Amino acid sequence: MKPYTKRVVDIICAIPKGKVMTYGQIAKIAGSPRAARQVVRVLHTLSEKYQLPWHRVLNSKGCIGLTGEHGQLQRRILEEEGMIFQQNGSINLIEYGYEPLHLIEEME
C-alpha cells in the first residue's frame, strides 16, 4: 500500500462512532489537500478489505455523496449512531465533525 493510501486508511479508521469527516478534510490531513477524489477511490476499493467506517465520510457540505440504496444505507447507519440530519439533508459538521488533532500533529 502506498504511503498516502495508508494515511487515508488510518485517518478513516480513527473516525469515532457518532462523528464524521469530509473527503477534503481527510485528504488535507493525509498530506494532499486537493486529493479528495483519491479519498473516494480509497473508500471505494478498500472499505470492505479494511472494514473502514465508510459511512462516516461526507462531502464538504455535510451531505451524503452516494445515491440510491447505498445513500439510504449510509443515512440509516449515521442515524443509528445518533446523528441528526438537517432539513436540507446535511449533517451539522460543527456538531458532528471530527478533528483528529493527534493525527494532524503526527502527519506534520
PDB file of N, CA and C in Angstrom:
ATOM      1  N   MET A   1       0.854  -1.179   0.000  1.00  0.00           N
ATOM      2  CA  MET A   1       0.000   0.000   0.000  1.00  0.00           C
ATOM      3  C   MET A   1       0.898   1.241   0.000  1.00  0.00           C
ATOM      4  N   LYS A   2       0.551   2.179  -0.835  1.00  0.00           N
ATOM      5  CA  LYS A   2       1.322   3.417  -0.921  1.00  0.00           C
ATOM      6  C   LYS A   2       1.138   4.226   0.366  1.00  0.00           C
ATOM      7  N   PRO A   3       2.147   5.046   0.732  1.00  0.00           N
ATOM      8  CA  PRO A   3       2.077   5.815   1.983  1.00  0.00           C
ATOM      9  C   PRO A   3       0.841   6.709   2.093  1.00  0.00           C
ATOM     10  N   TYR A   4       0.466   7.389   1.010  1.00  0.00           N
ATOM     11  CA  TYR A   4      -0.711   8.263   1.068  1.00  0.00           C
ATOM     12  C   TYR A   4      -1.971   7.434   1.342  1.00  0.00           C
ATOM     13  N   THR A   5      -2.096   6.327   0.657  1.00  0.00           N
ATOM     14  CA  THR A   5      -3.258   5.453   0.856  1.00  0.00           C
ATOM     15  C   THR A   5      -3.308   4.959   2.289  1.00  0.00           C
ATOM     16  N   LYS A   6      -2.169   4.588   2.845  1.00  0.00           N
ATOM     17  CA  LYS A   6      -2.134   4.118   4.233  1.00  0.00           C
ATOM     18  C   LYS A   6      -2.571   5.220   5.186  1.00  0.00           C
ATOM     19  N   ARG A   7      -2.119   6.456   4.941  1.00  0.00           N
ATOM     20  CA  ARG A   7      -2.523   7.572   5.799  1.00  0.00           C
ATOM     21  C   ARG A   7      -4.037   7.784   5.725  1.00  0.00           C
ATOM     22  N   VAL A   8      -4.591   7.702   4.521  1.00  0.00           N
ATOM     23  CA  VAL A   8      -6.038   7.859   4.364  1.00  0.00           C
ATOM     24  C   VAL A   8      -6.777   6.772   5.125  1.00  0.00           C
ATOM     25  N   VAL A   9      -6.344   5.541   4.975  1.00  0.00           N
ATOM     26  CA  VAL A   9      -6.974   4.417   5.689  1.00  0.00           C
ATOM     27  C   VAL A   9      -6.893   4.635   7.193  1.00  0.00           C
ATOM     28  N   ASP A  10      -5.738   5.033   7.688  1.00  0.00           N
ATOM     29  CA  ASP A  10      -5.557   5.259   9.129  1.00  0.00           C
ATOM     30  C   ASP A  10      -6.480   6.364   9.641  1.00  0.00           C
ATOM     31  N   ILE A  11      -6.607   7.427   8.869  1.00  0.00           N
ATOM     32  CA  ILE A  11      -7.473   8.542   9.278  1.00  0.00           C
ATOM     33  C   ILE A  11      -8.926   8.088   9.326  1.00  0.00           C
ATOM     34  N   ILE A  12      -9.372   7.401   8.292  1.00  0.00           N
ATOM     35  CA  ILE A  12     -10.760   6.935   8.256  1.00  0.00           C
ATOM     36  C   ILE A  12     -11.035   5.975   9.408  1.00  0.00           C
ATOM     37  N   CYS A  13     -10.097   5.090   9.690  1.00  0.00           N
ATOM     38  CA  CYS A  13     -10.270   4.141  10.797  1.00  0.00           C
ATOM     39  C   CYS A  13     -10.375   4.847  12.148  1.00  0.00           C
ATOM     40  N   ALA A  14      -9.816   6.038  12.251  1.00  0.00           N
ATOM     41  CA  ALA A  14      -9.800   6.766  13.519  1.00  0.00           C
ATOM     42  C   ALA A  14     -11.080   7.554  13.786  1.00  0.00           C
ATOM     43  N   ILE A  15     -11.970   7.657  12.797  1.00  0.00           N
ATOM     44  CA  ILE A  15     -13.207   8.429  13.000  1.00  0.00           C
ATOM     45  C   ILE A  15     -14.095   7.658  13.982  1.00  0.00           C
ATOM     46  N   PRO A  16     -14.382   8.251  15.138  1.00  0.00           N
ATOM     47  CA  PRO A  16     -15.184   7.535  16.131  1.00  0.00           C
ATOM     48  C   PRO A  16     -16.676   7.503  15.792  1.00  0.00           C
ATOM     49  N   LYS A  17     -17.344   6.573  16.395  1.00  0.00           N
ATOM     50  CA  LYS A  17     -18.796   6.455  16.252  1.00  0.00           C
ATOM     51  C   LYS A  17     -19.438   7.783  16.646  1.00  0.00           C
ATOM     52  N   GLY A  18     -20.414   8.224  15.845  1.00  0.00           N
ATOM     53  CA  GLY A  18     -21.113   9.472  16.138  1.00  0.00           C
ATOM     54  C   GLY A  18     -20.435  10.715  15.602  1.00  0.00           C
ATOM     55  N   LYS A  19     -19.346  10.532  14.844  1.00  0.00           N
ATOM     56  CA  LYS A  19     -18.619  11.658  14.253  1.00  0.00           C
ATOM     57  C   LYS A  19     -18.427  11.414  12.765  1.00  0.00           C
ATOM     58  N   VAL A  20     -18.170  12.487  12.024  1.00  0.00           N
ATOM     59  CA  VAL A  20     -17.929  12.387  10.588  1.00  0.00           C
ATOM     60  C   VAL A  20     -16.754  13.269  10.183  1.00  0.00           C
ATOM     61  N   MET A  21     -16.220  12.978   9.010  1.00  0.00           N
ATOM     62  CA  MET A  21     -15.206  13.813   8.386  1.00  0.00           C
ATOM     63  C   MET A  21     -15.582  13.971   6.922  1.00  0.00           C
ATOM     64  N   THR A  22     -15.001  14.968   6.274  1.00  0.00           N
ATOM     65  CA  THR A  22     -15.239  15.163   4.850  1.00  0.00           C
ATOM     66  C   THR A  22     -14.083  14.569   4.043  1.00  0.00           C
ATOM     67  N   TYR A  23     -14.380  14.290   2.772  1.00  0.00           N
ATOM     68  CA  TYR A  23     -13.334  13.774   1.887  1.00  0.00           C
ATOM     69  C   TYR A  23     -12.146  14.728   1.848  1.00  0.00           C
ATOM     70  N   GLY A  24     -12.431  16.009   1.704  1.00  0.00           N
ATOM     71  CA  GLY A  24     -11.373  17.012   1.621  1.00  0.00           C
ATOM     72  C   GLY A  24     -10.569  17.136   2.901  1.00  0.00           C
ATOM     73  N   GLN A  25     -11.246  17.047   4.013  1.00  0.00           N
ATOM     74  CA  GLN A  25     -10.573  17.113   5.311  1.00  0.00           C
ATOM     75  C   GLN A  25      -9.593  15.949   5.456  1.00  0.00           C
ATOM     76  N   ILE A  26     -10.023  14.771   5.067  1.00  0.00           N
ATOM     77  CA  ILE A  26      -9.155  13.589   5.136  1.00  0.00           C
ATOM     78  C   ILE A  26      -7.966  13.765   4.206  1.00  0.00           C
ATOM     79  N   ALA A  27      -8.214  14.233   2.994  1.00  0.00           N
ATOM     80  CA  ALA A  27      -7.125  14.441   2.036  1.00  0.00           C
ATOM     81  C   ALA A  27      -6.096  15.425   2.575  1.00  0.00           C
ATOM     82  N   LYS A  28      -6.569  16.506   3.165  1.00  0.00           N
ATOM     83  CA  LYS A  28      -5.669  17.525   3.707  1.00  0.00           C
ATOM     84  C   LYS A  28      -4.804  16.954   4.834  1.00  0.00           C
ATOM     85  N   ILE A  29      -5.415  16.252   5.761  1.00  0.00           N
ATOM     86  CA  ILE A  29      -4.663  15.691   6.877  1.00  0.00           C
ATOM     87  C   ILE A  29      -3.671  14.636   6.390  1.00  0.00           C
ATOM     88  N   ALA A  30      -4.062  13.900   5.344  1.00  0.00           N
ATOM     89  CA  ALA A  30      -3.179  12.868   4.797  1.00  0.00           C
ATOM     90  C   ALA A  30      -2.017  13.461   4.012  1.00  0.00           C
ATOM     91  N   GLY A  31      -2.068  14.765   3.750  1.00  0.00           N
ATOM     92  CA  GLY A  31      -0.939  15.425   3.111  1.00  0.00           C
ATOM     93  C   GLY A  31      -1.144  15.861   1.674  1.00  0.00           C
ATOM     94  N   SER A  32      -2.364  15.747   1.171  1.00  0.00           N
ATOM     95  CA  SER A  32      -2.626  16.150  -0.202  1.00  0.00           C
ATOM     96  C   SER A  32      -3.981  16.850  -0.278  1.00  0.00           C
ATOM     97  N   PRO A  33      -4.016  18.143   0.080  1.00  0.00           N
ATOM     98  CA  PRO A  33      -5.269  18.874   0.227  1.00  0.00           C
ATOM     99  C   PRO A  33      -6.207  18.858  -0.980  1.00  0.00           C
ATOM    100  N   ARG A  34      -5.681  18.629  -2.156  1.00  0.00           N
ATOM    101  CA  ARG A  34      -6.515  18.669  -3.363  1.00  0.00           C
ATOM    102  C   ARG A  34      -6.878  17.266  -3.851  1.00  0.00           C
ATOM    103  N   ALA A  35      -6.743  16.282  -2.993  1.00  0.00           N
ATOM    104  CA  ALA A  35      -6.935  14.892  -3.422  1.00  0.00           C
ATOM    105  C   ALA A  35      -8.182  14.237  -2.822  1.00  0.00           C
ATOM    106  N   ALA A  36      -9.256  15.009  -2.695  1.00  0.00           N
ATOM    107  CA  ALA A  36     -10.489  14.440  -2.143  1.00  0.00           C
ATOM    108  C   ALA A  36     -10.978  13.255  -2.979  1.00  0.00           C
ATOM    109  N   ARG A  37     -10.783  13.306  -4.277  1.00  0.00           N
ATOM    110  CA  ARG A  37     -11.218  12.190  -5.133  1.00  0.00           C
ATOM    111  C   ARG A  37     -10.412  10.934  -4.876  1.00  0.00           C
ATOM    112  N   GLN A  38      -9.172  11.109  -4.454  1.00  0.00           N
ATOM    113  CA  GLN A  38      -8.368   9.946  -4.078  1.00  0.00           C
ATOM    114  C   GLN A  38      -8.950   9.277  -2.837  1.00  0.00           C
ATOM    115  N   VAL A  39      -9.480  10.080  -1.926  1.00  0.00           N
ATOM    116  CA  VAL A  39     -10.126   9.532  -0.730  1.00  0.00           C
ATOM    117  C   VAL A  39     -11.346   8.715  -1.144  1.00  0.00           C
ATOM    118  N   VAL A  40     -12.092   9.217  -2.108  1.00  0.00           N
ATOM    119  CA  VAL A  40     -13.237   8.468  -2.634  1.00  0.00           C
ATOM    120  C   VAL A  40     -12.770   7.126  -3.196  1.00  0.00           C
ATOM    121  N   ARG A  41     -11.692   7.150  -3.932  1.00  0.00           N
ATOM    122  CA  ARG A  41     -11.152   5.918  -4.522  1.00  0.00           C
ATOM    123  C   ARG A  41     -10.754   4.924  -3.447  1.00  0.00           C
ATOM    124  N   VAL A  42     -10.074   5.407  -2.416  1.00  0.00           N
ATOM    125  CA  VAL A  42      -9.665   4.532  -1.317  1.00  0.00           C
ATOM    126  C   VAL A  42     -10.900   3.909  -0.658  1.00  0.00           C
ATOM    127  N   LEU A  43     -11.897   4.717  -0.391  1.00  0.00           N
ATOM    128  CA  LEU A  43     -13.119   4.196   0.213  1.00  0.00           C
ATOM    129  C   LEU A  43     -13.768   3.143  -0.676  1.00  0.00           C
ATOM    130  N   HIS A  44     -13.823   3.423  -1.956  1.00  0.00           N
ATOM    131  CA  HIS A  44     -14.469   2.501  -2.886  1.00  0.00           C
ATOM    132  C   HIS A  44     -13.733   1.167  -2.979  1.00  0.00           C
ATOM    133  N   THR A  45     -12.413   1.222  -3.004  1.00  0.00           N
ATOM    134  CA  THR A  45     -11.650  -0.004  -3.236  1.00  0.00           C
ATOM    135  C   THR A  45     -11.243  -0.749  -1.967  1.00  0.00           C
ATOM    136  N   LEU A  46     -11.134  -0.057  -0.838  1.00  0.00           N
ATOM    137  CA  LEU A  46     -10.582  -0.698   0.355  1.00  0.00           C
ATOM    138  C   LEU A  46     -11.527  -0.796   1.552  1.00  0.00           C
ATOM    139  N   SER A  47     -12.737  -0.262   1.457  1.00  0.00           N
ATOM    140  CA  SER A  47     -13.646  -0.267   2.612  1.00  0.00           C
ATOM    141  C   SER A  47     -13.911  -1.665   3.147  1.00  0.00           C
ATOM    142  N   GLU A  48     -14.210  -2.577   2.254  1.00  0.00           N
ATOM    143  CA  GLU A  48     -14.530  -3.935   2.695  1.00  0.00           C
ATOM    144  C   GLU A  48     -13.282  -4.638   3.255  1.00  0.00           C
ATOM    145  N   LYS A  49     -12.191  -4.561   2.541  1.00  0.00           N
ATOM    146  CA  LYS A  49     -10.960  -5.254   2.941  1.00  0.00           C
ATOM    147  C   LYS A  49     -10.476  -4.812   4.321  1.00  0.00           C
ATOM    148  N   TYR A  50     -10.558  -3.512   4.610  1.00  0.00           N
ATOM    149  CA  TYR A  50     -10.056  -2.972   5.879  1.00  0.00           C
ATOM    150  C   TYR A  50     -11.164  -2.603   6.860  1.00  0.00           C
ATOM    151  N   GLN A  51     -12.406  -2.992   6.544  1.00  0.00           N
ATOM    152  CA  GLN A  51     -13.550  -2.709   7.411  1.00  0.00           C
ATOM    153  C   GLN A  51     -13.605  -1.221   7.791  1.00  0.00           C
ATOM    154  N   LEU A  52     -13.454  -0.367   6.785  1.00  0.00           N
ATOM    155  CA  LEU A  52     -13.454   1.080   7.020  1.00  0.00           C
ATOM    156  C   LEU A  52     -14.856   1.568   7.363  1.00  0.00           C
ATOM    157  N   PRO A  53     -14.966   2.504   8.286  1.00  0.00           N
ATOM    158  CA  PRO A  53     -16.273   3.098   8.575  1.00  0.00           C
ATOM    159  C   PRO A  53     -16.635   4.121   7.492  1.00  0.00           C
ATOM    160  N   TRP A  54     -16.840   3.637   6.289  1.00  0.00           N
ATOM    161  CA  TRP A  54     -17.085   4.454   5.099  1.00  0.00           C
ATOM    162  C   TRP A  54     -18.259   5.411   5.288  1.00  0.00           C
ATOM    163  N   HIS A  55     -19.215   4.990   6.089  1.00  0.00           N
ATOM    164  CA  HIS A  55     -20.427   5.777   6.285  1.00  0.00           C
ATOM    165  C   HIS A  55     -20.163   7.084   7.031  1.00  0.00           C
ATOM    166  N   ARG A  56     -19.003   7.215   7.654  1.00  0.00           N
ATOM    167  CA  ARG A  56     -18.669   8.415   8.422  1.00  0.00           C
ATOM    168  C   ARG A  56     -17.942   9.466   7.582  1.00  0.00           C
ATOM    169  N   VAL A  57     -17.916   9.300   6.275  1.00  0.00           N
ATOM    170  CA  VAL A  57     -17.246  10.250   5.395  1.00  0.00           C
ATOM    171  C   VAL A  57     -18.301  10.900   4.493  1.00  0.00           C
ATOM    172  N   LEU A  58     -18.330  12.231   4.522  1.00  0.00           N
ATOM    173  CA  LEU A  58     -19.329  13.011   3.793  1.00  0.00           C
ATOM    174  C   LEU A  58     -18.660  14.014   2.864  1.00  0.00           C
ATOM    175  N   ASN A  59     -19.474  14.662   2.041  1.00  0.00           N
ATOM    176  CA  ASN A  59     -18.906  15.704   1.184  1.00  0.00           C
ATOM    177  C   ASN A  59     -18.707  16.994   1.982  1.00  0.00           C
ATOM    178  N   SER A  60     -18.185  18.002   1.338  1.00  0.00           N
ATOM    179  CA  SER A  60     -17.816  19.245   2.031  1.00  0.00           C
ATOM    180  C   SER A  60     -19.013  20.006   2.606  1.00  0.00           C
ATOM    181  N   LYS A  61     -20.204  19.692   2.151  1.00  0.00           N
ATOM    182  CA  LYS A  61     -21.411  20.347   2.659  1.00  0.00           C
ATOM    183  C   LYS A  61     -22.058  19.547   3.786  1.00  0.00           C
ATOM    184  N   GLY A  62     -21.436  18.427   4.162  1.00  0.00           N
ATOM    185  CA  GLY A  62     -22.001  17.589   5.207  1.00  0.00           C
ATOM    186  C   GLY A  62     -23.102  16.684   4.700  1.00  0.00           C
ATOM    187  N   CYS A  63     -23.122  16.463   3.390  1.00  0.00           N
ATOM    188  CA  CYS A  63     -24.153  15.625   2.774  1.00  0.00           C
ATOM    189  C   CYS A  63     -23.573  14.291   2.328  1.00  0.00           C
ATOM    190  N   ILE A  64     -24.455  13.333   2.210  1.00  0.00           N
ATOM    191  CA  ILE A  64     -24.089  12.019   1.697  1.00  0.00           C
ATOM    192  C   ILE A  64     -23.877  12.142   0.193  1.00  0.00           C
ATOM    193  N   GLY A  65     -22.757  11.646  -0.279  1.00  0.00           N
ATOM    194  CA  GLY A  65     -22.454  11.723  -1.701  1.00  0.00           C
ATOM    195  C   GLY A  65     -22.993  10.555  -2.501  1.00  0.00           C
ATOM    196  N   LEU A  66     -23.360   9.490  -1.827  1.00  0.00           N
ATOM    197  CA  LEU A  66     -23.875   8.307  -2.503  1.00  0.00           C
ATOM    198  C   LEU A  66     -25.354   8.474  -2.811  1.00  0.00           C
ATOM    199  N   THR A  67     -25.813   7.770  -3.815  1.00  0.00           N
ATOM    200  CA  THR A  67     -27.222   7.822  -4.175  1.00  0.00           C
ATOM    201  C   THR A  67     -27.841   6.433  -4.053  1.00  0.00           C
ATOM    202  N   GLY A  68     -29.138   6.382  -4.164  1.00  0.00           N
ATOM    203  CA  GLY A  68     -29.843   5.103  -4.161  1.00  0.00           C
ATOM    204  C   GLY A  68     -29.720   4.356  -2.846  1.00  0.00           C
ATOM    205  N   GLU A  69     -29.661   3.040  -2.958  1.00  0.00           N
ATOM    206  CA  GLU A  69     -29.623   2.171  -1.775  1.00  0.00           C
ATOM    207  C   GLU A  69     -28.431   2.458  -0.872  1.00  0.00           C
ATOM    208  N   HIS A  70     -27.277   2.726  -1.477  1.00  0.00           N
ATOM    209  CA  HIS A  70     -26.075   2.976  -0.674  1.00  0.00           C
ATOM    210  C   HIS A  70     -26.218   4.262   0.140  1.00  0.00           C
ATOM    211  N   GLY A  71     -26.786   5.279  -0.471  1.00  0.00           N
ATOM    212  CA  GLY A  71     -27.024   6.534   0.247  1.00  0.00           C
ATOM    213  C   GLY A  71     -28.024   6.360   1.374  1.00  0.00           C
ATOM    214  N   GLN A  72     -29.071   5.573   1.116  1.00  0.00           N
ATOM    215  CA  GLN A  72     -30.070   5.300   2.153  1.00  0.00           C
ATOM    216  C   GLN A  72     -29.456   4.507   3.304  1.00  0.00           C
ATOM    217  N   LEU A  73     -28.606   3.537   2.967  1.00  0.00           N
ATOM    218  CA  LEU A  73     -27.926   2.748   3.994  1.00  0.00           C
ATOM    219  C   LEU A  73     -27.024   3.641   4.832  1.00  0.00           C
ATOM    220  N   GLN A  74     -26.264   4.521   4.179  1.00  0.00           N
ATOM    221  CA  GLN A  74     -25.366   5.419   4.894  1.00  0.00           C
ATOM    222  C   GLN A  74     -26.149   6.303   5.862  1.00  0.00           C
ATOM    223  N   ARG A  75     -27.249   6.842   5.398  1.00  0.00           N
ATOM    224  CA  ARG A  75     -28.069   7.698   6.262  1.00  0.00           C
ATOM    225  C   ARG A  75     -28.582   6.906   7.468  1.00  0.00           C
ATOM    226  N   ARG A  76     -29.080   5.714   7.223  1.00  0.00           N
ATOM    227  CA  ARG A  76     -29.612   4.892   8.311  1.00  0.00           C
ATOM    228  C   ARG A  76     -28.541   4.581   9.362  1.00  0.00           C
ATOM    229  N   ILE A  77     -27.342   4.233   8.901  1.00  0.00           N
ATOM    230  CA  ILE A  77     -26.260   3.917   9.838  1.00  0.00           C
ATOM    231  C   ILE A  77     -25.885   5.150  10.657  1.00  0.00           C
ATOM    232  N   LEU A  78     -25.777   6.297   9.999  1.00  0.00           N
ATOM    233  CA  LEU A  78     -25.433   7.523  10.719  1.00  0.00           C
ATOM    234  C   LEU A  78     -26.514   7.883  11.736  1.00  0.00           C
ATOM    235  N   GLU A  79     -27.760   7.714  11.369  1.00  0.00           N
ATOM    236  CA  GLU A  79     -28.848   7.987  12.316  1.00  0.00           C
ATOM    237  C   GLU A  79     -28.794   7.013  13.489  1.00  0.00           C
ATOM    238  N   GLU A  80     -28.449   5.768  13.222  1.00  0.00           N
ATOM    239  CA  GLU A  80     -28.307   4.778  14.302  1.00  0.00           C
ATOM    240  C   GLU A  80     -27.176   5.155  15.256  1.00  0.00           C
ATOM    241  N   GLU A  81     -26.182   5.873  14.740  1.00  0.00           N
ATOM    242  CA  GLU A  81     -25.076   6.337  15.577  1.00  0.00           C
ATOM    243  C   GLU A  81     -25.428   7.627  16.311  1.00  0.00           C
ATOM    244  N   GLY A  82     -26.651   8.110  16.127  1.00  0.00           N
ATOM    245  CA  GLY A  82     -27.121   9.268  16.871  1.00  0.00           C
ATOM    246  C   GLY A  82     -27.057  10.590  16.149  1.00  0.00           C
ATOM    247  N   MET A  83     -26.664  10.581  14.884  1.00  0.00           N
ATOM    248  CA  MET A  83     -26.573  11.834  14.146  1.00  0.00           C
ATOM    249  C   MET A  83     -27.948  12.243  13.623  1.00  0.00           C
ATOM    250  N   ILE A  84     -28.196  13.532  13.655  1.00  0.00           N
ATOM    251  CA  ILE A  84     -29.467  14.087  13.212  1.00  0.00           C
ATOM    252  C   ILE A  84     -29.227  14.880  11.936  1.00  0.00           C
ATOM    253  N   PHE A  85     -29.997  14.556  10.919  1.00  0.00           N
ATOM    254  CA  PHE A  85     -29.900  15.276   9.650  1.00  0.00           C
ATOM    255  C   PHE A  85     -30.756  16.531   9.705  1.00  0.00           C
ATOM    256  N   GLN A  86     -30.236  17.586   9.099  1.00  0.00           N
ATOM    257  CA  GLN A  86     -30.972  18.835   8.998  1.00  0.00           C
ATOM    258  C   GLN A  86     -32.000  18.709   7.868  1.00  0.00           C
ATOM    259  N   GLN A  87     -32.898  19.664   7.765  1.00  0.00           N
ATOM    260  CA  GLN A  87     -33.943  19.616   6.737  1.00  0.00           C
ATOM    261  C   GLN A  87     -33.390  19.515   5.325  1.00  0.00           C
ATOM    262  N   ASN A  88     -32.235  20.103   5.091  1.00  0.00           N
ATOM    263  CA  ASN A  88     -31.652  20.065   3.741  1.00  0.00           C
ATOM    264  C   ASN A  88     -30.892  18.767   3.459  1.00  0.00           C
ATOM    265  N   GLY A  89     -30.930  17.820   4.390  1.00  0.00           N
ATOM    266  CA  GLY A  89     -30.277  16.532   4.188  1.00  0.00           C
ATOM    267  C   GLY A  89     -28.829  16.478   4.603  1.00  0.00           C
ATOM    268  N   SER A  90     -28.335  17.536   5.208  1.00  0.00           N
ATOM    269  CA  SER A  90     -26.931  17.559   5.632  1.00  0.00           C
ATOM    270  C   SER A  90     -26.815  17.283   7.130  1.00  0.00           C
ATOM    271  N   ILE A  91     -25.596  17.024   7.529  1.00  0.00           N
ATOM    272  CA  ILE A  91     -25.263  16.851   8.942  1.00  0.00           C
ATOM    273  C   ILE A  91     -24.469  18.089   9.356  1.00  0.00           C
ATOM    274  N   ASN A  92     -24.734  18.607  10.525  1.00  0.00           N
ATOM    275  CA  ASN A  92     -24.027  19.771  11.039  1.00  0.00           C
ATOM    276  C   ASN A  92     -22.576  19.368  11.332  1.00  0.00           C
ATOM    277  N   LEU A  93     -21.667  19.856  10.505  1.00  0.00           N
ATOM    278  CA  LEU A  93     -20.259  19.482  10.653  1.00  0.00           C
ATOM    279  C   LEU A  93     -19.618  20.087  11.894  1.00  0.00           C
ATOM    280  N   ILE A  94     -20.166  21.168  12.389  1.00  0.00           N
ATOM    281  CA  ILE A  94     -19.633  21.751  13.626  1.00  0.00           C
ATOM    282  C   ILE A  94     -19.971  20.842  14.802  1.00  0.00           C
ATOM    283  N   GLU A  95     -21.181  20.350  14.811  1.00  0.00           N
ATOM    284  CA  GLU A  95     -21.612  19.476  15.907  1.00  0.00           C
ATOM    285  C   GLU A  95     -21.046  18.066  15.805  1.00  0.00           C
ATOM    286  N   TYR A  96     -21.056  17.494  14.605  1.00  0.00           N
ATOM    287  CA  TYR A  96     -20.679  16.088  14.446  1.00  0.00           C
ATOM    288  C   TYR A  96     -19.325  15.876  13.780  1.00  0.00           C
ATOM    289  N   GLY A  97     -18.672  16.967  13.378  1.00  0.00           N
ATOM    290  CA  GLY A  97     -17.380  16.834  12.712  1.00  0.00           C
ATOM    291  C   GLY A  97     -16.292  16.373  13.657  1.00  0.00           C
ATOM    292  N   TYR A  98     -15.373  15.604  13.115  1.00  0.00           N
ATOM    293  CA  TYR A  98     -14.256  15.071  13.895  1.00  0.00           C
ATOM    294  C   TYR A  98     -12.963  15.735  13.449  1.00  0.00           C
ATOM    295  N   GLU A  99     -12.227  16.260  14.406  1.00  0.00           N
ATOM    296  CA  GLU A  99     -10.920  16.874  14.157  1.00  0.00           C
ATOM    297  C   GLU A  99      -9.868  16.033  14.884  1.00  0.00           C
ATOM    298  N   PRO A 100      -9.225  15.133  14.187  1.00  0.00           N
ATOM    299  CA  PRO A 100      -8.246  14.248  14.834  1.00  0.00           C
ATOM    300  C   PRO A 100      -6.912  14.946  15.077  1.00  0.00           C
ATOM    301  N   LEU A 101      -6.858  15.762  16.091  1.00  0.00           N
ATOM    302  CA  LEU A 101      -5.666  16.574  16.344  1.00  0.00           C
ATOM    303  C   LEU A 101      -4.401  15.740  16.473  1.00  0.00           C
ATOM    304  N   HIS A 102      -4.516  14.573  17.097  1.00  0.00           N
ATOM    305  CA  HIS A 102      -3.335  13.724  17.246  1.00  0.00           C
ATOM    306  C   HIS A 102      -2.809  13.261  15.882  1.00  0.00           C
ATOM    307  N   LEU A 103      -3.694  13.013  14.933  1.00  0.00           N
ATOM    308  CA  LEU A 103      -3.258  12.609  13.596  1.00  0.00           C
ATOM    309  C   LEU A 103      -2.685  13.782  12.826  1.00  0.00           C
ATOM    310  N   ILE A 104      -3.260  14.957  12.997  1.00  0.00           N
ATOM    311  CA  ILE A 104      -2.749  16.151  12.326  1.00  0.00           C
ATOM    312  C   ILE A 104      -1.312  16.400  12.745  1.00  0.00           C
ATOM    313  N   GLU A 105      -1.047  16.288  14.044  1.00  0.00           N
ATOM    314  CA  GLU A 105       0.298  16.514  14.564  1.00  0.00           C
ATOM    315  C   GLU A 105       1.269  15.451  14.044  1.00  0.00           C
ATOM    316  N   GLU A 106       0.829  14.195  13.987  1.00  0.00           N
ATOM    317  CA  GLU A 106       1.682  13.111  13.505  1.00  0.00           C
ATOM    318  C   GLU A 106       2.047  13.288  12.031  1.00  0.00           C
ATOM    319  N   MET A 107       1.115  13.788  11.240  1.00  0.00           N
ATOM    320  CA  MET A 107       1.322  13.902   9.797  1.00  0.00           C
ATOM    321  C   MET A 107       2.182  15.109   9.427  1.00  0.00           C
ATOM    322  N   GLU A 108       2.335  16.055  10.349  1.00  0.00           N
ATOM    323  CA  GLU A 108       3.108  17.268  10.033  1.00  0.00           C
ATOM    324  C   GLU A 108       4.579  17.041  10.140  1.00  0.00           C
TER     325      GLU A 108
END
